[in-house]
Amino acid sequence: ELGSVVCDWQIPTDTRVVRFTATVDRGLEIPEGDEANNVAEELVAIQESVTEDGVKSGDDGMGQSALLVLSSIAALALLALIGYMMPPKIKKIE
């Protein structure tokens, strides 16, 4: 039977990396062939918090919007350039 665990935890706001350690079957109650794989330790990178409207704390959101608009304009300009440089359609002569 597989199970899952949810872990809510609080960290200081100035922390960028935390060490997360998980131990399962500490009492060795589950019979298994390899008892050495019951402990896992990972470093978890902490990113800036995001508010409910999707904007990172301390960010006005204009940078991402401007990047999206400029990328769209560049893509349209590239498509127009490709269309301009294409050879004309071949006409069938009867």
N, C-alpha and C. Protein backbone atom coordinates (compact mmCIF):
# COMPACT_ATOMS: atom_id res chain seq x y z
N GLU A 1 0.85 -1.18 0.00
CA GLU A 1 0.00 0.00 0.00
C GLU A 1 0.89 1.24 0.00
N LEU A 2 0.63 2.14 -0.93
CA LEU A 2 1.38 3.38 -1.00
C LEU A 2 0.63 4.47 -0.26
N GLY A 3 1.36 5.37 0.34
CA GLY A 3 0.76 6.49 1.05
C GLY A 3 1.49 7.77 0.72
N SER A 4 0.93 8.85 1.15
CA SER A 4 1.59 10.14 0.94
C SER A 4 1.49 10.97 2.21
N VAL A 5 2.39 11.91 2.33
CA VAL A 5 2.45 12.77 3.50
C VAL A 5 2.56 14.21 3.03
N VAL A 6 1.84 15.09 3.68
CA VAL A 6 1.94 16.52 3.40
C VAL A 6 2.58 17.18 4.61
N CYS A 7 3.56 18.00 4.36
CA CYS A 7 4.31 18.63 5.44
C CYS A 7 4.26 20.15 5.27
N ASP A 8 3.53 20.84 6.13
CA ASP A 8 3.52 22.30 6.13
C ASP A 8 4.58 22.77 7.09
N TRP A 9 5.42 23.71 6.66
CA TRP A 9 6.48 24.19 7.52
C TRP A 9 6.75 25.65 7.24
N GLN A 10 7.26 26.32 8.25
CA GLN A 10 7.57 27.74 8.14
C GLN A 10 9.08 27.91 8.17
N ILE A 11 9.55 28.85 7.37
CA ILE A 11 10.98 29.13 7.33
C ILE A 11 11.18 30.63 7.44
N PRO A 12 12.32 31.08 7.89
CA PRO A 12 12.59 32.53 7.94
C PRO A 12 12.58 33.13 6.53
N THR A 13 12.19 34.39 6.43
CA THR A 13 12.05 35.03 5.12
C THR A 13 13.37 35.25 4.41
N ASP A 14 14.48 35.32 5.14
CA ASP A 14 15.76 35.58 4.49
C ASP A 14 16.51 34.30 4.11
N THR A 15 15.90 33.14 4.29
CA THR A 15 16.53 31.86 3.97
C THR A 15 16.40 31.57 2.48
N ARG A 16 17.47 31.09 1.86
CA ARG A 16 17.46 30.76 0.44
C ARG A 16 17.52 29.25 0.20
N VAL A 17 18.11 28.49 1.14
CA VAL A 17 18.21 27.04 1.01
C VAL A 17 17.98 26.42 2.39
N VAL A 18 17.18 25.35 2.43
CA VAL A 18 16.98 24.60 3.68
C VAL A 18 17.25 23.13 3.42
N ARG A 19 17.64 22.44 4.47
CA ARG A 19 17.89 21.00 4.38
C ARG A 19 16.64 20.29 4.89
N PHE A 20 16.09 19.42 4.06
CA PHE A 20 14.89 18.66 4.40
C PHE A 20 15.29 17.21 4.58
N THR A 21 15.02 16.66 5.76
CA THR A 21 15.37 15.27 6.05
C THR A 21 14.09 14.50 6.36
N ALA A 22 13.90 13.35 5.73
CA ALA A 22 12.73 12.51 5.96
C ALA A 22 13.19 11.11 6.35
N THR A 23 12.57 10.58 7.39
CA THR A 23 12.87 9.22 7.85
C THR A 23 11.57 8.42 7.86
N VAL A 24 11.58 7.25 7.23
CA VAL A 24 10.42 6.37 7.25
C VAL A 24 10.82 5.05 7.91
N ASP A 25 9.85 4.40 8.50
CA ASP A 25 10.07 3.10 9.15
C ASP A 25 11.21 3.18 10.17
N ARG A 26 11.14 4.18 11.05
CA ARG A 26 12.19 4.36 12.05
C ARG A 26 12.29 3.15 12.99
N GLY A 27 11.16 2.54 13.29
CA GLY A 27 11.15 1.40 14.20
C GLY A 27 11.43 0.07 13.51
N LEU A 28 11.74 0.10 12.21
CA LEU A 28 12.03 -1.10 11.42
C LEU A 28 10.89 -2.12 11.50
N GLU A 29 9.66 -1.62 11.42
CA GLU A 29 8.49 -2.49 11.50
C GLU A 29 8.08 -3.06 10.14
N ILE A 30 8.53 -2.45 9.06
CA ILE A 30 8.18 -2.92 7.72
C ILE A 30 9.29 -3.84 7.23
N PRO A 31 8.97 -5.11 6.94
CA PRO A 31 10.02 -6.01 6.45
C PRO A 31 10.41 -5.65 5.02
N GLU A 32 11.70 -5.45 4.80
CA GLU A 32 12.20 -5.12 3.46
C GLU A 32 13.62 -5.62 3.33
N GLY A 33 14.09 -5.72 2.10
CA GLY A 33 15.42 -6.24 1.85
C GLY A 33 16.53 -5.25 2.14
N ASP A 34 16.26 -3.95 1.97
CA ASP A 34 17.30 -2.93 2.15
C ASP A 34 16.82 -1.91 3.17
N GLU A 35 17.32 -2.01 4.38
CA GLU A 35 16.93 -1.08 5.44
C GLU A 35 17.71 0.23 5.38
N ALA A 36 18.70 0.32 4.50
CA ALA A 36 19.54 1.52 4.43
C ALA A 36 18.87 2.65 3.65
N ASN A 37 17.76 2.37 2.98
CA ASN A 37 17.12 3.40 2.16
C ASN A 37 15.93 4.06 2.85
N ASN A 38 15.91 4.07 4.17
CA ASN A 38 14.79 4.63 4.91
C ASN A 38 14.98 6.10 5.26
N VAL A 39 16.12 6.67 4.95
CA VAL A 39 16.39 8.08 5.26
C VAL A 39 16.75 8.80 3.97
N ALA A 40 16.13 9.95 3.75
CA ALA A 40 16.45 10.78 2.59
C ALA A 40 16.71 12.20 3.07
N GLU A 41 17.66 12.84 2.44
CA GLU A 41 17.99 14.22 2.79
C GLU A 41 18.18 15.01 1.51
N GLU A 42 17.48 16.13 1.41
CA GLU A 42 17.54 16.97 0.21
C GLU A 42 17.73 18.42 0.61
N LEU A 43 18.44 19.16 -0.23
CA LEU A 43 18.51 20.61 -0.08
C LEU A 43 17.40 21.21 -0.94
N VAL A 44 16.61 22.09 -0.35
CA VAL A 44 15.48 22.68 -1.04
C VAL A 44 15.74 24.17 -1.22
N ALA A 45 15.70 24.64 -2.48
CA ALA A 45 15.90 26.06 -2.76
C ALA A 45 14.59 26.80 -2.50
N ILE A 46 14.69 27.93 -1.83
CA ILE A 46 13.52 28.74 -1.51
C ILE A 46 13.47 29.92 -2.47
N GLN A 47 12.33 30.09 -3.14
CA GLN A 47 12.16 31.20 -4.08
C GLN A 47 11.33 32.29 -3.43
N GLU A 48 11.25 33.44 -4.10
CA GLU A 48 10.46 34.54 -3.57
C GLU A 48 8.99 34.13 -3.51
N SER A 49 8.30 34.65 -2.50
CA SER A 49 6.88 34.32 -2.36
C SER A 49 6.08 35.02 -3.45
N VAL A 50 4.98 34.39 -3.84
CA VAL A 50 4.11 34.92 -4.88
C VAL A 50 2.79 35.29 -4.23
N THR A 51 2.27 36.48 -4.53
CA THR A 51 1.00 36.91 -3.96
C THR A 51 -0.15 36.25 -4.70
N GLU A 52 -1.37 36.51 -4.25
CA GLU A 52 -2.54 35.87 -4.85
C GLU A 52 -2.75 36.26 -6.31
N ASP A 53 -2.33 37.46 -6.70
CA ASP A 53 -2.52 37.88 -8.09
C ASP A 53 -1.38 37.43 -8.99
N GLY A 54 -0.45 36.60 -8.47
CA GLY A 54 0.60 36.03 -9.29
C GLY A 54 1.85 36.87 -9.40
N VAL A 55 1.95 37.96 -8.65
CA VAL A 55 3.12 38.83 -8.71
C VAL A 55 4.04 38.48 -7.55
N LYS A 56 5.33 38.37 -7.83
CA LYS A 56 6.30 38.09 -6.78
C LYS A 56 6.36 39.26 -5.82
N SER A 57 6.66 38.97 -4.57
CA SER A 57 6.79 40.05 -3.60
C SER A 57 7.98 40.93 -3.99
N GLY A 58 7.77 42.23 -3.94
CA GLY A 58 8.82 43.16 -4.31
C GLY A 58 8.93 43.38 -5.80
N ASP A 59 8.00 42.86 -6.58
CA ASP A 59 8.05 42.99 -8.04
C ASP A 59 6.76 43.65 -8.50
N ASP A 60 6.87 44.63 -9.39
CA ASP A 60 5.67 45.31 -9.88
C ASP A 60 5.03 44.59 -11.06
N GLY A 61 5.67 43.57 -11.60
CA GLY A 61 5.11 42.79 -12.69
C GLY A 61 5.31 43.39 -14.06
N MET A 62 5.85 44.59 -14.16
CA MET A 62 6.04 45.24 -15.46
C MET A 62 7.13 44.56 -16.28
N GLY A 63 8.12 44.00 -15.64
CA GLY A 63 9.21 43.36 -16.36
C GLY A 63 8.72 42.18 -17.19
N GLN A 64 7.89 41.35 -16.60
CA GLN A 64 7.39 40.18 -17.32
C GLN A 64 6.40 40.58 -18.40
N SER A 65 5.57 41.57 -18.14
CA SER A 65 4.62 42.03 -19.15
C SER A 65 5.34 42.62 -20.34
N ALA A 66 6.35 43.43 -20.08
CA ALA A 66 7.12 44.03 -21.17
C ALA A 66 7.83 42.96 -21.98
N LEU A 67 8.38 41.96 -21.31
CA LEU A 67 9.05 40.87 -22.01
C LEU A 67 8.07 40.11 -22.90
N LEU A 68 6.88 39.87 -22.41
CA LEU A 68 5.87 39.15 -23.19
C LEU A 68 5.46 39.96 -24.42
N VAL A 69 5.24 41.26 -24.26
CA VAL A 69 4.84 42.11 -25.38
C VAL A 69 5.97 42.18 -26.42
N LEU A 70 7.19 42.40 -25.96
CA LEU A 70 8.31 42.48 -26.90
C LEU A 70 8.54 41.16 -27.63
N SER A 71 8.38 40.05 -26.94
CA SER A 71 8.53 38.74 -27.58
C SER A 71 7.46 38.53 -28.64
N SER A 72 6.24 38.95 -28.35
CA SER A 72 5.15 38.81 -29.32
C SER A 72 5.41 39.67 -30.56
N ILE A 73 5.87 40.90 -30.35
CA ILE A 73 6.17 41.78 -31.48
C ILE A 73 7.30 41.20 -32.32
N ALA A 74 8.33 40.68 -31.67
CA ALA A 74 9.45 40.09 -32.40
C ALA A 74 9.00 38.87 -33.20
N ALA A 75 8.12 38.05 -32.64
CA ALA A 75 7.63 36.87 -33.35
C ALA A 75 6.81 37.28 -34.58
N LEU A 76 5.95 38.29 -34.42
CA LEU A 76 5.16 38.77 -35.56
C LEU A 76 6.05 39.37 -36.64
N ALA A 77 7.07 40.12 -36.24
CA ALA A 77 8.00 40.70 -37.21
C ALA A 77 8.75 39.61 -37.96
N LEU A 78 9.15 38.56 -37.26
CA LEU A 78 9.84 37.45 -37.90
C LEU A 78 8.94 36.74 -38.91
N LEU A 79 7.69 36.53 -38.54
CA LEU A 79 6.75 35.90 -39.47
C LEU A 79 6.52 36.78 -40.70
N ALA A 80 6.41 38.09 -40.50
CA ALA A 80 6.24 39.00 -41.64
C ALA A 80 7.46 38.97 -42.55
N LEU A 81 8.65 38.93 -41.98
CA LEU A 81 9.88 38.87 -42.77
C LEU A 81 9.96 37.58 -43.57
N ILE A 82 9.59 36.47 -42.96
CA ILE A 82 9.59 35.19 -43.67
C ILE A 82 8.59 35.22 -44.82
N GLY A 83 7.40 35.78 -44.57
CA GLY A 83 6.39 35.89 -45.63
C GLY A 83 6.84 36.78 -46.76
N TYR A 84 7.56 37.85 -46.46
CA TYR A 84 8.06 38.77 -47.48
C TYR A 84 9.14 38.12 -48.33
N MET A 85 9.98 37.29 -47.73
CA MET A 85 11.11 36.70 -48.44
C MET A 85 10.74 35.43 -49.20
N MET A 86 9.54 34.91 -49.02
CA MET A 86 9.14 33.69 -49.72
C MET A 86 8.98 33.98 -51.22
N PRO A 87 9.29 33.01 -52.06
CA PRO A 87 9.10 33.21 -53.50
C PRO A 87 7.61 33.26 -53.82
N PRO A 88 7.26 33.92 -54.95
CA PRO A 88 5.84 33.99 -55.32
C PRO A 88 5.33 32.60 -55.71
N LYS A 89 4.02 32.49 -55.70
CA LYS A 89 3.40 31.22 -56.07
C LYS A 89 3.71 30.90 -57.53
N ILE A 90 3.86 29.64 -57.83
CA ILE A 90 4.11 29.20 -59.20
C ILE A 90 2.77 29.14 -59.93
N LYS A 91 2.71 29.85 -61.07
CA LYS A 91 1.46 29.89 -61.83
C LYS A 91 1.50 28.84 -62.93
N LYS A 92 0.41 28.19 -63.11
CA LYS A 92 0.30 27.17 -64.15
C LYS A 92 0.00 27.85 -65.48
N ILE A 93 0.83 27.57 -66.47
CA ILE A 93 0.65 28.17 -67.80
C ILE A 93 -0.12 27.18 -68.66
N GLU A 94 -1.20 27.68 -69.26
CA GLU A 94 -2.03 26.80 -70.10
C GLU A 94 -1.82 27.07 -71.55
